[in-house]
């Protein structure tokens, strides 16, 4: 499911909001499924997606979106989720969270 058009990515780096909206729309469903499976919380999944896309937009000129944007996006989502894990101070909750992530990676 690689994004089919490098020109869209190039337009995003140049600040084209319509291209960014198209990019978000294209990747929203798979990003949501990825985050929702790991987090087991749809609202938190949306928050993670929003945060990552906000960061992508804010740092668009320095991203150099060449190559596989999908890999970059999902790596960013995973990193954001691990960052969210810091909210889990309870060792049991943290272990459950890590177990969910590990089981997702294994499948």
Protein backbone atom coordinates (compact mmCIF):
# COMPACT_ATOMS: atom_id res chain seq x y z
CA UNK A 1 0.00 0.00 0.00
CA UNK A 2 2.78 2.46 -0.82
CA UNK A 3 1.57 5.93 -1.62
CA UNK A 4 1.39 5.99 -5.40
CA UNK A 5 2.55 9.50 -6.19
CA UNK A 6 5.87 11.12 -5.23
CA UNK A 7 4.52 14.41 -6.57
CA UNK A 8 1.98 14.53 -3.72
CA UNK A 9 4.79 14.11 -1.21
CA UNK A 10 6.80 16.82 -2.93
CA UNK A 11 3.82 19.17 -2.80
CA UNK A 12 3.41 18.48 0.93
CA UNK A 13 7.03 19.49 1.58
CA UNK A 14 6.29 22.72 -0.29
CA UNK A 15 3.34 23.49 2.00
CA UNK A 16 0.42 22.39 -0.17
CA UNK A 17 -2.44 21.82 2.30
CA UNK A 18 -4.63 20.06 -0.27
CA UNK A 19 -1.85 17.53 -0.92
CA UNK A 20 -1.43 17.05 2.82
CA UNK A 21 -5.16 16.40 3.20
CA UNK A 22 -4.95 13.85 0.40
CA UNK A 23 -1.99 12.18 2.10
CA UNK A 24 -3.81 12.02 5.45
CA UNK A 25 -6.94 10.63 3.82
CA UNK A 26 -5.00 7.94 2.00
CA UNK A 27 -3.23 6.69 5.14
CA UNK A 28 -5.84 7.36 7.82
CA UNK A 29 -7.59 3.96 7.84
CA UNK A 30 -4.45 1.80 7.93
CA UNK A 31 -2.87 4.14 10.51
CA UNK A 32 -6.01 3.95 12.63
CA UNK A 33 -6.11 0.15 12.47
CA UNK A 34 -2.43 -0.05 13.43
CA UNK A 35 -2.81 2.30 16.39
CA UNK A 36 -6.15 0.92 17.57
CA UNK A 37 -4.79 -2.64 17.67
CA UNK A 38 -1.78 -1.57 19.69
CA UNK A 39 -3.55 0.81 22.02
CA UNK A 40 -6.91 -0.97 22.35
CA UNK A 41 -8.40 2.52 22.56
CA UNK A 42 -9.91 4.21 19.51
CA UNK A 43 -9.83 7.71 20.98
CA UNK A 44 -6.16 7.36 21.90
CA UNK A 45 -5.46 5.95 18.43
CA UNK A 46 -6.96 9.09 16.88
CA UNK A 47 -4.88 11.25 19.24
CA UNK A 48 -1.68 9.49 18.19
CA UNK A 49 -2.51 9.83 14.50
CA UNK A 50 -3.34 13.51 14.91
CA UNK A 51 -0.11 14.13 16.78
CA UNK A 52 2.03 12.36 14.18
CA UNK A 53 0.40 14.09 11.23
CA UNK A 54 0.68 17.45 13.00
CA UNK A 55 4.40 16.80 13.44
CA UNK A 56 4.74 15.78 9.79
CA UNK A 57 3.02 19.00 8.70
CA UNK A 58 5.05 21.20 11.05
CA UNK A 59 8.33 19.63 9.95
CA UNK A 60 7.38 19.07 6.32
CA UNK A 61 10.15 21.17 4.75
CA UNK A 62 12.87 19.22 6.56
CA UNK A 63 11.44 15.75 6.11
CA UNK A 64 12.76 15.07 2.65
CA UNK A 65 9.85 12.74 1.86
CA UNK A 66 11.67 10.61 -0.66
CA UNK A 67 11.32 6.88 -0.65
CA UNK A 68 8.79 4.98 1.35
CA UNK A 69 6.50 7.39 3.21
CA UNK A 70 4.47 4.50 4.57
CA UNK A 71 7.51 3.15 6.44
CA UNK A 72 8.26 6.61 7.78
CA UNK A 73 4.66 7.10 8.91
CA UNK A 74 4.29 3.76 10.67
CA UNK A 75 7.67 4.13 12.33
CA UNK A 76 6.56 7.56 13.58
CA UNK A 77 3.28 6.12 14.83
CA UNK A 78 5.12 3.36 16.68
CA UNK A 79 7.52 5.88 18.22
CA UNK A 80 4.59 8.04 19.33
CA UNK A 81 2.88 5.02 20.87
CA UNK A 82 6.06 4.12 22.79
CA UNK A 83 6.15 7.71 23.96
CA UNK A 84 2.57 7.36 25.15
CA UNK A 85 3.65 4.27 27.04
CA UNK A 86 5.56 6.53 29.43
CA UNK A 87 2.15 7.51 30.78
CA UNK A 88 1.84 4.02 32.21
CA UNK A 89 3.52 4.22 35.59
CA UNK A 90 2.03 0.95 36.77
CA UNK A 91 4.47 -1.88 35.87
CA UNK A 92 1.60 -4.29 35.14
CA UNK A 93 -0.08 -1.84 32.76
CA UNK A 94 3.27 -1.17 31.08
CA UNK A 95 3.90 -4.92 30.62
CA UNK A 96 0.40 -5.41 29.17
CA UNK A 97 1.04 -2.54 26.79
CA UNK A 98 4.36 -4.00 25.67
CA UNK A 99 2.79 -7.46 25.28
CA UNK A 100 0.15 -5.99 22.95
CA UNK A 101 2.84 -4.38 20.83
CA UNK A 102 4.92 -7.57 20.72
CA UNK A 103 1.92 -9.68 19.76
CA UNK A 104 1.13 -7.26 16.95
CA UNK A 105 4.69 -7.46 15.63
CA UNK A 106 4.58 -11.25 15.68
CA UNK A 107 1.41 -11.41 13.57
